Amino acid sequence: MKKNKIDINNSEAVGILDQLTTSDLSQQDIYFISYCYGEIITNQFSGEWKNDADNGPRVDNIGGNPAFKRWPHELVNKVITNKNLSLQRYFEDIAFVLGD
């Protein structure tokens, strides 16, 4: 986090994570980006980490809405495989849904 200047308490760090997704990434790097992204979501909108036995870690109860959940690892993988997507866009979508 220090190396890439990622402050999980600052939503501007999403842009840094987006830049990292364009690099040659190891599986560990992908997990790191996913964790940071999930932490930024929980810090910005509230939420709580849960472990889904089938799909891995997810952020539940985003914005206090029990039905609103996201799997950061899944979102990061989508961005890596589809260059037309971005973590920033997903972040903005969350804010839009919550009315922030």
Protein backbone atom coordinates (compact mmCIF):
# COMPACT_ATOMS: atom_id res chain seq x y z
CA MET A 1 0.00 0.00 0.00
CA LYS A 2 2.86 2.36 0.76
CA LYS A 3 4.62 1.51 -2.49
CA ASN A 4 1.60 2.52 -4.58
CA LYS A 5 0.40 5.26 -2.19
CA ILE A 6 -2.97 3.60 -1.63
CA ASP A 7 -4.98 5.17 1.17
CA ILE A 8 -8.00 2.92 1.72
CA ASN A 9 -9.69 5.81 3.52
CA ASN A 10 -9.62 7.96 0.39
CA SER A 11 -11.86 7.19 -2.59
CA GLU A 12 -9.27 8.74 -4.93
CA ALA A 13 -7.23 5.58 -4.41
CA VAL A 14 -9.68 3.79 -6.74
CA GLY A 15 -7.90 5.52 -9.64
CA ILE A 16 -4.56 4.08 -8.51
CA LEU A 17 -6.12 0.61 -8.32
CA ASP A 18 -7.45 1.07 -11.86
CA GLN A 19 -3.93 1.88 -13.04
CA LEU A 20 -2.61 -1.24 -11.33
CA THR A 21 -5.13 -3.44 -13.18
CA THR A 22 -3.36 -2.60 -16.44
CA SER A 23 -0.07 -4.12 -15.17
CA ASP A 24 1.17 -7.67 -15.44
CA LEU A 25 -0.39 -9.05 -12.26
CA SER A 26 0.18 -12.14 -10.19
CA GLN A 27 -2.75 -13.79 -8.42
CA GLN A 28 -1.46 -12.26 -5.18
CA ASP A 29 -1.53 -8.79 -6.79
CA ILE A 30 -5.14 -9.35 -7.85
CA TYR A 31 -6.09 -10.36 -4.31
CA PHE A 32 -4.33 -7.26 -2.96
CA ILE A 33 -6.18 -4.94 -5.36
CA SER A 34 -9.46 -6.68 -4.53
CA TYR A 35 -8.91 -6.30 -0.81
CA CYS A 36 -8.03 -2.62 -1.14
CA TYR A 37 -11.04 -2.00 -3.36
CA GLY A 38 -13.36 -3.71 -0.88
CA GLU A 39 -11.88 -1.71 1.98
CA ILE A 40 -12.39 1.55 0.10
CA ILE A 41 -16.04 0.56 -0.48
CA THR A 42 -16.59 -0.24 3.20
CA ASN A 43 -14.84 2.95 4.31
CA GLN A 44 -16.69 5.19 1.87
CA PHE A 45 -20.19 3.69 1.98
CA SER A 46 -20.09 1.42 5.03
CA GLY A 47 -20.56 -2.28 4.68
CA GLU A 48 -19.13 -5.44 6.12
CA TRP A 49 -16.98 -8.24 4.83
CA LYS A 50 -18.53 -11.71 4.62
CA ASN A 51 -17.17 -14.90 3.18
CA ASP A 52 -19.33 -16.57 0.56
CA ALA A 53 -18.40 -20.27 0.45
CA ASP A 54 -19.09 -20.41 -3.30
CA ASN A 55 -17.80 -17.02 -4.51
CA GLY A 56 -15.27 -15.87 -1.91
CA PRO A 57 -15.12 -12.63 0.08
CA ARG A 58 -17.81 -10.06 -0.52
CA VAL A 59 -18.89 -6.74 0.93
CA ASP A 60 -22.44 -6.94 2.30
CA ASN A 61 -24.88 -4.35 3.56
CA ILE A 62 -23.36 -1.56 1.47
CA GLY A 63 -24.80 1.77 2.53
CA GLY A 64 -26.87 0.00 5.18
CA ASN A 65 -28.87 -1.89 2.53
CA PRO A 66 -28.87 -5.63 3.37
CA ALA A 67 -29.61 -6.54 -0.25
CA PHE A 68 -26.70 -4.50 -1.66
CA LYS A 69 -23.52 -6.56 -1.91
CA ARG A 70 -20.51 -6.75 -4.18
CA TRP A 71 -17.65 -9.20 -4.67
CA PRO A 72 -14.53 -7.03 -5.08
CA HIS A 73 -12.45 -9.89 -6.50
CA GLU A 74 -15.06 -10.51 -9.19
CA LEU A 75 -15.16 -6.81 -10.11
CA VAL A 76 -11.36 -6.60 -10.31
CA ASN A 77 -11.25 -9.66 -12.57
CA LYS A 78 -13.90 -8.14 -14.84
CA VAL A 79 -11.85 -4.95 -15.16
CA ILE A 80 -8.68 -6.91 -15.91
CA THR A 81 -10.34 -8.94 -18.66
CA ASN A 82 -12.46 -6.14 -20.16
CA LYS A 83 -10.49 -2.94 -20.69
CA ASN A 84 -13.75 -1.02 -21.29
CA LEU A 85 -14.61 -1.38 -17.59
CA SER A 86 -13.04 0.34 -14.60
CA LEU A 87 -13.14 0.10 -10.85
CA GLN A 88 -13.90 3.82 -10.82
CA ARG A 89 -17.05 3.21 -12.85
CA TYR A 90 -18.19 0.44 -10.51
CA PHE A 91 -17.48 2.77 -7.58
CA GLU A 92 -19.53 5.55 -9.17
CA ASP A 93 -22.35 3.06 -9.80
CA ILE A 94 -22.39 2.19 -6.09
CA ALA A 95 -22.52 5.88 -5.18
CA PHE A 96 -25.35 6.40 -7.68
CA VAL A 97 -27.41 3.53 -6.28
CA LEU A 98 -26.93 4.88 -2.77
CA GLY A 99 -27.70 8.43 -3.81
CA ASP A 100 -24.27 9.72 -2.69
